[in-house]
């Protein structure tokens, strides 16, 4: 009931994203039901039914990934003092978000079931003059348990994925955890950051400086206090300005302390490149097996199992290498004496590399796969059917929507930085120019990469 109330009280943009999740779930559920209908109408073709069900895994994965991205941008996942006061901590908020995701996906599955029954003629008669009766098994009874099992795949998998990704985590290091589990002086739980030696307070609390009471100062503060030589200590911004060379004066109008701190580079780039190279090698090896389609693709597309494995490895490699490539793009933007605009754009890209890098890699994988499929398509064969068109449109739409949703999440994550820049007097044109510069840099890196991967994936099979 609480999940339903939070769903009803969300903003229109949040409701729109949830509606898109429901539509994606409806498309995937309809494809699964059509696979069931083909299996019912063609009981002798068991291998074909299994192949069609295997091809439905790609839209299923795209839908679950999109639902996960929408759940991450859901305002219900953010801890709020009002909810925490009534006992809704991070764990319960995660459960509410998982329930909301399951509710959206269930709505989509029910829409798919109603549309499927309508096309079968079970509700108002057979539409389209019975043109869809072949893959809908209109003349046979529909096994309701099997249909409900297939329709429950998207809500169950999506809600479980949301619960696993958004579960509360302890981000402290192992050393900090061990420090927190230890017992301090006089049985106190945990230790202080600095251990005070014996006699630090002196006799009769004599550890007192001019102008400050003794009980307000600690030994650690005294040890780190700068010596008073008549010159006040410089602030952090002045130290950074003094440490920069004189010729880099173009970045003086932007305080580096306001910018996002550059995070450590993702470590998946070498692994992603290795998996990508392995996928391209498998596709090149598939050319030696001949052109007989041992595992035909839906809609008259020809392929072999090695081709499918190669495409899968290529997509996984691009997804793994995406964060590292995004971080590298941000680092390149800041090279060779950057100005304020390039420094801001590069820092933001480095901070958001993990968040938007993986959706970018998946979009590149889908684009390269679509190009390879159009290259391998047999012009003399049958036309691409409606189910294949629906599957391709569903995968493409979900990957693009996931990328846009990740961009929205990144915008919300850097809202504090944007507000700080506005308070410092940064013009709005500068923020828009930085966003355009980031988009152009990503397009300049990932666009040619997608074309190269697509050409390499299709070249061995068309030579």
Protein backbone atom coordinates (compact mmCIF):
# COMPACT_ATOMS: atom_id res chain seq x y z
CA UNK A 1 0.00 0.00 0.00
CA UNK A 2 2.88 2.38 0.78
CA UNK A 3 4.49 1.60 -2.57
CA UNK A 4 1.19 2.39 -4.30
CA UNK A 5 0.86 5.72 -2.45
CA UNK A 6 4.44 6.72 -3.31
CA UNK A 7 3.78 5.74 -6.92
CA UNK A 8 0.66 7.90 -7.11
CA UNK A 9 2.38 10.91 -5.50
CA UNK A 10 5.40 11.02 -7.82
CA UNK A 11 6.10 13.79 -10.31
CA UNK A 12 4.95 13.55 -13.96
CA UNK A 13 8.50 12.85 -15.20
CA UNK A 14 8.82 9.91 -12.81
CA UNK A 15 5.40 8.62 -13.84
CA UNK A 16 6.43 8.85 -17.49
CA UNK A 17 9.53 6.74 -16.88
CA UNK A 18 7.45 4.15 -15.04
CA UNK A 19 4.98 4.10 -17.92
CA UNK A 20 7.85 3.45 -20.32
CA UNK A 21 8.94 0.53 -18.14
CA UNK A 22 5.40 -0.85 -18.32
CA UNK A 23 5.39 -0.53 -22.13
CA UNK A 24 8.76 -2.29 -22.39
CA UNK A 25 7.49 -5.05 -20.14
CA UNK A 26 4.38 -5.35 -22.31
CA UNK A 27 6.49 -5.75 -25.46
CA UNK A 28 8.69 -8.40 -23.89
CA UNK A 29 5.71 -10.26 -22.48
CA UNK A 30 4.01 -10.24 -25.88
CA UNK A 31 7.11 -11.74 -27.51
CA UNK A 32 7.21 -14.47 -24.87
CA UNK A 33 3.52 -15.25 -25.43
CA UNK A 34 4.06 -15.41 -29.18
CA UNK A 35 6.85 -17.90 -28.57
CA UNK A 36 4.42 -19.99 -26.53
CA UNK A 37 1.84 -19.74 -29.32
CA UNK A 38 4.35 -20.92 -31.92
CA UNK A 39 5.29 -23.86 -29.73
CA UNK A 40 1.61 -24.83 -29.35
CA UNK A 41 0.85 -24.56 -33.06
CA UNK A 42 4.06 -26.39 -34.09
CA UNK A 43 4.57 -29.19 -31.55
CA UNK A 44 6.91 -31.07 -33.92
CA UNK A 45 9.41 -28.17 -34.06
CA UNK A 46 10.80 -28.29 -30.52
CA UNK A 47 14.22 -26.92 -31.47
CA UNK A 48 12.63 -23.94 -33.23
CA UNK A 49 10.57 -23.12 -30.14
CA UNK A 50 13.68 -23.25 -27.94
CA UNK A 51 15.54 -21.01 -30.39
CA UNK A 52 12.74 -18.45 -30.38
CA UNK A 53 12.66 -18.51 -26.59
CA UNK A 54 16.44 -17.97 -26.51
CA UNK A 55 16.10 -14.96 -28.80
CA UNK A 56 13.60 -13.46 -26.34
CA UNK A 57 16.37 -13.25 -23.73
CA UNK A 58 17.83 -10.17 -25.44
CA UNK A 59 14.64 -8.06 -25.12
CA UNK A 60 14.22 -9.43 -21.60
CA UNK A 61 17.71 -8.28 -20.60
CA UNK A 62 17.17 -4.86 -22.21
CA UNK A 63 13.88 -4.42 -20.37
CA UNK A 64 15.35 -5.41 -17.00
CA UNK A 65 18.30 -3.06 -17.54
CA UNK A 66 15.94 -0.20 -18.33
CA UNK A 67 13.78 -0.95 -15.28
CA UNK A 68 16.90 -0.92 -13.12
CA UNK A 69 17.99 2.45 -14.51
CA UNK A 70 14.53 3.91 -13.82
CA UNK A 71 14.58 2.54 -10.27
CA UNK A 72 17.94 4.20 -9.61
CA UNK A 73 16.50 7.62 -10.57
CA UNK A 74 13.32 7.07 -8.55
CA UNK A 75 13.02 9.69 -5.76
CA UNK A 76 11.70 6.95 -3.50
CA UNK A 77 15.19 5.42 -3.28
CA UNK A 78 16.66 8.54 -1.63
CA UNK A 79 16.67 8.59 2.18
CA UNK A 80 14.62 11.43 3.64
CA UNK A 81 14.35 12.58 7.26
CA UNK A 82 10.56 12.31 7.28
CA UNK A 83 10.58 8.69 6.14
CA UNK A 84 13.49 7.77 8.40
CA UNK A 85 11.55 9.11 11.40
CA UNK A 86 8.76 6.58 10.82
CA UNK A 87 11.16 3.67 10.35
CA UNK A 88 11.66 3.70 6.57
CA UNK A 89 15.40 3.32 6.39
CA UNK A 90 17.51 2.39 3.33
CA UNK A 91 16.49 -1.27 3.46
CA UNK A 92 12.77 -0.56 3.48
CA UNK A 93 13.12 2.10 0.80
CA UNK A 94 14.87 -0.50 -1.33
CA UNK A 95 11.96 -2.87 -0.77
CA UNK A 96 9.47 -0.13 -1.72
CA UNK A 97 11.39 0.60 -4.93
CA UNK A 98 11.50 -3.10 -5.81
CA UNK A 99 7.75 -3.33 -5.21
CA UNK A 100 7.16 -0.28 -7.42
CA UNK A 101 9.23 -1.84 -10.20
CA UNK A 102 7.31 -5.12 -9.88
CA UNK A 103 4.04 -3.17 -10.04
CA UNK A 104 5.03 -1.38 -13.26
CA UNK A 105 6.25 -4.58 -14.91
CA UNK A 106 3.14 -6.48 -13.83
CA UNK A 107 0.96 -3.81 -15.39
CA UNK A 108 2.86 -4.22 -18.65
CA UNK A 109 2.53 -8.01 -18.53
CA UNK A 110 -1.22 -7.75 -18.05
CA UNK A 111 -1.44 -5.41 -21.06
CA UNK A 112 0.52 -7.94 -23.10
CA UNK A 113 -1.85 -10.73 -22.05
CA UNK A 114 -4.93 -8.70 -22.99
CA UNK A 115 -3.48 -7.77 -26.37
CA UNK A 116 -2.45 -11.37 -27.02
CA UNK A 117 -5.92 -12.66 -26.18
CA UNK A 118 -7.45 -9.98 -28.39
CA UNK A 119 -5.32 -11.04 -31.36
CA UNK A 120 -6.21 -14.68 -30.75
CA UNK A 121 -9.88 -13.81 -30.91
CA UNK A 122 -10.63 -14.94 -27.37
CA UNK A 123 -12.18 -11.59 -26.44
CA UNK A 124 -13.86 -9.93 -29.42
CA UNK A 125 -13.21 -12.20 -32.39
CA UNK A 126 -10.22 -12.73 -34.69
CA UNK A 127 -8.86 -9.35 -35.95
CA UNK A 128 -6.85 -8.74 -39.16
CA UNK A 129 -8.75 -11.57 -40.91
CA UNK A 130 -6.77 -14.21 -39.03
CA UNK A 131 -3.35 -13.08 -40.37
CA UNK A 132 -1.68 -13.66 -36.98
CA UNK A 133 -3.23 -17.06 -36.32
CA UNK A 134 -0.02 -18.93 -37.19
CA UNK A 135 2.14 -17.73 -34.29
CA UNK A 136 -0.75 -17.17 -31.85
CA UNK A 137 -2.20 -20.72 -31.89
CA UNK A 138 -5.71 -19.37 -32.34
CA UNK A 139 -7.25 -22.79 -32.86
CA UNK A 140 -5.78 -24.38 -29.72
CA UNK A 141 -6.53 -23.70 -26.05
CA UNK A 142 -4.00 -21.51 -24.29
CA UNK A 143 -2.31 -23.15 -21.24
CA UNK A 144 -2.85 -20.50 -18.59
CA UNK A 145 -0.10 -21.70 -16.15
CA UNK A 146 2.54 -21.54 -18.89
CA UNK A 147 1.37 -18.09 -20.00
CA UNK A 148 1.42 -16.73 -16.44
CA UNK A 149 4.88 -18.23 -15.88
CA UNK A 150 6.27 -16.48 -18.95
CA UNK A 151 4.56 -13.21 -18.03
CA UNK A 152 5.98 -13.36 -14.52
CA UNK A 153 9.58 -13.48 -15.74
CA UNK A 154 9.94 -9.73 -16.28
CA UNK A 155 8.42 -8.57 -12.94
CA UNK A 156 10.31 -11.15 -10.89
CA UNK A 157 13.71 -10.67 -12.54
CA UNK A 158 13.38 -6.86 -12.57
CA UNK A 159 12.37 -6.61 -8.91
CA UNK A 160 15.13 -9.00 -7.81
CA UNK A 161 17.71 -7.04 -9.83
CA UNK A 162 16.54 -3.77 -8.27
CA UNK A 163 16.74 -5.27 -4.79
CA UNK A 164 20.28 -6.57 -5.35
CA UNK A 165 21.62 -3.35 -6.87
CA UNK A 166 19.95 -0.92 -4.45
CA UNK A 167 20.57 -2.90 -1.29
CA UNK A 168 22.27 -0.92 1.52
CA UNK A 169 26.04 -1.20 1.44
CA UNK A 170 28.79 -0.26 3.84
CA UNK A 171 31.18 1.83 1.74
CA UNK A 172 33.83 1.99 4.44
CA UNK A 173 37.15 0.28 3.88
CA UNK A 174 38.06 -2.95 5.64
CA UNK A 175 40.45 -1.09 7.94
CA UNK A 176 37.68 1.32 8.96
CA UNK A 177 35.34 -1.58 9.62
CA UNK A 178 37.90 -3.28 11.85
CA UNK A 179 38.48 0.01 13.64
CA UNK A 180 34.76 0.41 14.25
CA UNK A 181 34.44 -3.14 15.58
CA UNK A 182 37.25 -2.67 18.10
CA UNK A 183 36.69 -1.46 21.66
CA UNK A 184 38.30 1.70 22.88
CA UNK A 185 39.21 3.06 26.28
CA UNK A 186 36.95 2.18 29.23
CA UNK A 187 34.83 -0.16 27.07
CA UNK A 188 33.80 2.53 24.58
CA UNK A 189 32.84 1.08 21.19
CA UNK A 190 35.25 2.24 18.49
CA UNK A 191 38.43 4.26 18.66
CA UNK A 192 39.25 7.85 18.02
CA UNK A 193 41.13 8.94 14.92
CA UNK A 194 44.29 9.91 16.85
CA UNK A 195 45.55 8.13 19.96
CA UNK A 196 46.75 10.47 22.69
CA UNK A 197 49.95 9.62 24.53
CA UNK A 198 50.26 9.52 28.28
CA UNK A 199 50.43 12.96 29.85
CA UNK A 200 49.01 14.81 26.88
CA UNK A 201 46.65 16.85 29.03
CA UNK A 202 49.29 17.82 31.54
CA UNK A 203 48.81 18.36 35.22
CA UNK A 204 45.63 20.05 36.49
CA UNK A 205 44.42 20.52 32.85
CA UNK A 206 47.27 22.91 32.20
CA UNK A 207 47.13 22.26 28.42
CA UNK A 208 45.68 25.64 27.53
CA UNK A 209 46.57 28.12 24.83
CA UNK A 210 45.91 31.81 24.72
CA UNK A 211 42.33 32.67 23.98
CA UNK A 212 41.00 29.07 23.96
CA UNK A 213 39.71 26.90 26.81
CA UNK A 214 41.48 23.63 27.47
CA UNK A 215 38.40 21.44 27.18
CA UNK A 216 37.75 22.54 23.56
CA UNK A 217 41.12 21.42 22.15
CA UNK A 218 42.66 18.01 21.69
CA UNK A 219 46.20 16.79 21.35
CA UNK A 220 45.68 16.08 17.65
CA UNK A 221 44.63 19.69 17.02
CA UNK A 222 47.66 21.03 18.86
CA UNK A 223 50.01 18.73 16.98
CA UNK A 224 48.67 19.84 13.62
CA UNK A 225 48.34 23.53 14.49
CA UNK A 226 50.59 25.76 12.33
CA UNK A 227 53.22 27.78 14.10
CA UNK A 228 52.23 31.35 14.72
CA UNK A 229 54.87 33.44 12.99
CA UNK A 230 52.80 36.56 12.48
CA UNK A 231 51.46 35.48 9.07
CA UNK A 232 48.05 33.80 8.98
CA UNK A 233 47.98 30.35 7.38
CA UNK A 234 46.95 30.30 3.76
CA UNK A 235 43.66 28.83 2.78
CA UNK A 236 43.34 25.75 0.61
CA UNK A 237 42.29 27.72 -2.47
CA UNK A 238 45.32 30.02 -2.11
CA UNK A 239 47.64 27.02 -1.75
CA UNK A 240 46.24 25.50 -4.94
CA UNK A 241 46.52 28.81 -6.78
CA UNK A 242 50.14 29.20 -5.64
CA UNK A 243 50.97 25.63 -6.65
CA UNK A 244 49.72 26.15 -10.20
CA UNK A 245 52.17 27.59 -12.70
CA UNK A 246 51.77 31.18 -13.78
CA UNK A 247 50.99 30.32 -17.40
CA UNK A 248 47.89 28.29 -16.36
CA UNK A 249 46.01 31.41 -15.38
CA UNK A 250 43.04 30.60 -17.56
CA UNK A 251 41.55 28.31 -14.90
CA UNK A 252 41.74 30.93 -12.13
CA UNK A 253 38.11 31.91 -12.65
CA UNK A 254 36.97 28.41 -11.60
CA UNK A 255 37.59 27.20 -8.07
CA UNK A 256 38.87 23.60 -8.27
CA UNK A 257 37.37 22.86 -4.85
CA UNK A 258 33.87 23.23 -6.33
CA UNK A 259 34.46 20.76 -9.17
CA UNK A 260 33.75 17.04 -8.75
CA UNK A 261 36.75 15.21 -7.40
CA UNK A 262 38.35 12.98 -10.07
CA UNK A 263 37.68 9.39 -9.11
CA UNK A 264 39.96 6.45 -9.74
CA UNK A 265 39.87 5.11 -13.27
CA UNK A 266 37.63 2.04 -13.70
CA UNK A 267 39.67 -1.15 -13.89
CA UNK A 268 37.52 -2.92 -16.46
CA UNK A 269 39.03 -1.36 -19.59
CA UNK A 270 41.72 -4.04 -20.21
CA UNK A 271 39.20 -6.82 -19.57
CA UNK A 272 36.66 -5.19 -21.85
CA UNK A 273 39.19 -4.85 -24.67
CA UNK A 274 40.20 -8.49 -24.21
CA UNK A 275 36.57 -9.73 -24.33
CA UNK A 276 35.88 -7.51 -27.35
CA UNK A 277 38.91 -8.92 -29.18
CA UNK A 278 37.79 -12.46 -28.31
CA UNK A 279 34.33 -11.78 -29.74
CA UNK A 280 35.76 -10.44 -32.98
CA UNK A 281 38.06 -13.45 -33.21
CA UNK A 282 35.14 -15.85 -32.76
CA UNK A 283 33.22 -14.08 -35.51
CA UNK A 284 36.24 -14.30 -37.80
CA UNK A 285 36.53 -18.02 -37.06
CA UNK A 286 32.85 -18.46 -37.93
CA UNK A 287 33.67 -17.70 -41.57
CA UNK A 288 35.57 -20.99 -41.83
CA UNK A 289 32.48 -23.01 -40.89
CA UNK A 290 30.68 -22.22 -44.14
CA UNK A 291 27.54 -20.24 -44.80
CA UNK A 292 24.96 -22.83 -43.76
CA UNK A 293 22.76 -21.23 -41.07
CA UNK A 294 22.89 -23.88 -38.36
CA UNK A 295 20.99 -21.48 -36.07
CA UNK A 296 18.83 -19.18 -38.23
CA UNK A 297 17.97 -15.78 -36.87
CA UNK A 298 14.35 -14.63 -36.75
CA UNK A 299 13.01 -12.90 -39.82
CA UNK A 300 15.09 -14.64 -42.45
CA UNK A 301 18.52 -13.61 -41.15
CA UNK A 302 21.30 -16.15 -41.58
CA UNK A 303 23.83 -17.00 -38.91
CA UNK A 304 25.70 -19.73 -37.06
CA UNK A 305 26.19 -20.45 -33.36
CA UNK A 306 29.71 -19.01 -33.58
CA UNK A 307 28.26 -15.76 -34.92
CA UNK A 308 25.86 -15.54 -32.00
CA UNK A 309 28.61 -16.24 -29.47
CA UNK A 310 30.84 -13.66 -31.14
CA UNK A 311 28.12 -11.01 -31.01
CA UNK A 312 27.48 -11.77 -27.36
CA UNK A 313 31.18 -11.46 -26.46
CA UNK A 314 31.43 -8.23 -28.43
CA UNK A 315 28.46 -6.72 -26.59
CA UNK A 316 29.83 -7.78 -23.19
CA UNK A 317 33.26 -6.37 -24.04
CA UNK A 318 31.84 -2.99 -25.04
CA UNK A 319 29.72 -2.86 -21.88
CA UNK A 320 32.75 -3.63 -19.69
CA UNK A 321 35.04 -1.19 -21.49
CA UNK A 322 32.48 1.65 -21.54
CA UNK A 323 33.29 3.17 -18.10
CA UNK A 324 37.02 3.07 -18.76
CA UNK A 325 36.61 4.72 -22.16
CA UNK A 326 34.40 7.44 -20.64
CA UNK A 327 37.00 8.11 -17.94
CA UNK A 328 39.72 8.26 -20.60
CA UNK A 329 37.63 10.73 -22.59
CA UNK A 330 37.35 12.98 -19.55
CA UNK A 331 41.07 12.79 -18.95
CA UNK A 332 41.80 13.72 -22.55
CA UNK A 333 39.56 16.76 -22.25
CA UNK A 334 41.74 18.09 -19.42
CA UNK A 335 45.06 17.56 -21.20
CA UNK A 336 47.36 20.31 -22.53
CA UNK A 337 46.61 23.22 -20.18
CA UNK A 338 42.80 23.13 -19.97
CA UNK A 339 40.65 26.19 -19.55
CA UNK A 340 37.73 26.48 -17.20
CA UNK A 341 35.29 24.96 -19.69
CA UNK A 342 37.39 21.90 -20.52
CA UNK A 343 38.34 21.41 -16.89
CA UNK A 344 34.70 21.37 -15.83
CA UNK A 345 33.64 19.02 -18.65
CA UNK A 346 36.54 16.64 -18.05
CA UNK A 347 36.04 16.47 -14.29
CA UNK A 348 32.34 15.72 -14.71
CA UNK A 349 33.05 12.95 -17.23
CA UNK A 350 35.60 11.36 -14.93
CA UNK A 351 33.18 11.50 -12.00
CA UNK A 352 30.31 10.01 -14.05
CA UNK A 353 32.34 7.40 -15.92
CA UNK A 354 30.85 4.42 -14.11
CA UNK A 355 27.29 5.76 -14.23
CA UNK A 356 27.01 6.55 -17.95
CA UNK A 357 29.86 4.48 -19.38
CA UNK A 358 28.13 1.10 -19.26
CA UNK A 359 24.90 2.31 -20.96
CA UNK A 360 27.06 3.95 -23.63
CA UNK A 361 28.88 0.67 -24.24
CA UNK A 362 25.58 -1.20 -24.53
CA UNK A 363 24.25 1.35 -27.04
CA UNK A 364 27.42 0.89 -29.11
CA UNK A 365 26.97 -2.89 -28.96
CA UNK A 366 23.34 -2.65 -30.14
CA UNK A 367 24.27 -0.24 -32.95
CA UNK A 368 27.12 -2.42 -34.17
CA UNK A 369 24.93 -5.55 -33.96
CA UNK A 370 22.15 -3.87 -35.97
CA UNK A 371 24.65 -2.85 -38.64
CA UNK A 372 26.04 -6.37 -38.84
CA UNK A 373 22.54 -7.87 -39.08
CA UNK A 374 21.62 -5.57 -41.97
CA UNK A 375 24.88 -6.55 -43.68
CA UNK A 376 24.19 -10.26 -43.26
CA UNK A 377 20.56 -10.00 -44.31
CA UNK A 378 19.69 -12.08 -47.35
CA UNK A 379 17.88 -9.79 -49.80
CA UNK A 380 16.43 -12.79 -51.68
CA UNK A 381 15.00 -14.34 -48.51
CA UNK A 382 11.75 -13.54 -46.75
CA UNK A 383 11.03 -10.11 -45.34
CA UNK A 384 11.69 -9.32 -41.71
CA UNK A 385 8.58 -10.34 -39.80
CA UNK A 386 6.60 -8.23 -37.33
CA UNK A 387 7.95 -10.08 -34.30
CA UNK A 388 11.56 -9.50 -35.37
CA UNK A 389 10.77 -5.83 -35.98
CA UNK A 390 9.16 -5.60 -32.56
CA UNK A 391 12.16 -7.23 -30.90
CA UNK A 392 14.68 -4.96 -32.62
CA UNK A 393 12.62 -1.86 -31.84
CA UNK A 394 12.24 -2.94 -28.22
CA UNK A 395 15.96 -3.55 -27.69
CA UNK A 396 16.95 -0.30 -29.40
CA UNK A 397 14.37 1.77 -27.51
CA UNK A 398 15.29 0.27 -24.14
CA UNK A 399 19.02 0.87 -24.61
CA UNK A 400 18.51 4.48 -25.69
CA UNK A 401 16.04 5.11 -22.87
CA UNK A 402 18.50 3.58 -20.40
CA UNK A 403 21.22 5.93 -21.60
CA UNK A 404 18.93 8.96 -21.26
CA UNK A 405 17.84 7.82 -17.80
CA UNK A 406 21.48 7.43 -16.73
CA UNK A 407 22.11 10.98 -17.97
CA UNK A 408 19.22 12.21 -15.82
CA UNK A 409 20.63 10.34 -12.83
CA UNK A 410 24.04 11.92 -13.41
CA UNK A 411 22.43 15.36 -13.57
CA UNK A 412 20.74 14.79 -10.23
CA UNK A 413 23.99 13.48 -8.73
CA UNK A 414 25.91 16.65 -9.61
CA UNK A 415 23.15 19.05 -8.55
CA UNK A 416 25.24 20.24 -5.58
CA UNK A 417 28.16 21.05 -7.86
CA UNK A 418 25.89 22.93 -10.26
CA UNK A 419 24.33 24.90 -7.41
CA UNK A 420 27.77 25.80 -6.06
CA UNK A 421 28.90 27.01 -9.48
CA UNK A 422 25.77 29.15 -9.84
CA UNK A 423 26.37 30.68 -6.40
CA UNK A 424 29.91 31.55 -7.45
CA UNK A 425 28.56 33.41 -10.47
CA UNK A 426 29.10 30.88 -13.25
CA UNK A 427 26.89 31.83 -16.22
CA UNK A 428 24.28 29.43 -17.51
CA UNK A 429 25.90 29.47 -20.95
CA UNK A 430 29.04 27.99 -19.43
CA UNK A 431 27.11 25.06 -17.95
CA UNK A 432 25.35 24.42 -21.26
CA UNK A 433 28.62 24.67 -23.16
CA UNK A 434 30.21 22.16 -20.79
CA UNK A 435 27.32 19.74 -21.36
CA UNK A 436 27.62 20.14 -25.14
CA UNK A 437 31.37 19.62 -24.91
CA UNK A 438 30.89 16.39 -22.96
CA UNK A 439 28.35 15.10 -25.47
CA UNK A 440 30.62 15.99 -28.39
CA UNK A 441 33.63 14.32 -26.81
CA UNK A 442 31.69 11.11 -26.14
CA UNK A 443 30.29 11.10 -29.67
CA UNK A 444 33.77 11.65 -31.12
CA UNK A 445 35.10 8.65 -29.20
CA UNK A 446 32.23 6.15 -29.27
CA UNK A 447 30.95 6.95 -32.80
CA UNK A 448 34.07 5.80 -34.70
CA UNK A 449 34.48 2.92 -32.23
CA UNK A 450 30.98 1.66 -33.07
CA UNK A 451 31.66 1.86 -36.80
CA UNK A 452 34.98 0.06 -36.48
CA UNK A 453 33.51 -2.74 -34.38
CA UNK A 454 30.55 -3.10 -36.75
CA UNK A 455 32.81 -3.31 -39.79
CA UNK A 456 35.12 -5.84 -38.13
CA UNK A 457 32.12 -7.92 -37.02
CA UNK A 458 30.59 -8.03 -40.51
CA UNK A 459 33.77 -8.22 -42.62
CA UNK A 460 34.65 -11.90 -42.02
CA UNK A 461 31.08 -12.99 -42.75
CA UNK A 462 30.73 -11.05 -46.01
CA UNK A 463 34.16 -11.67 -47.50
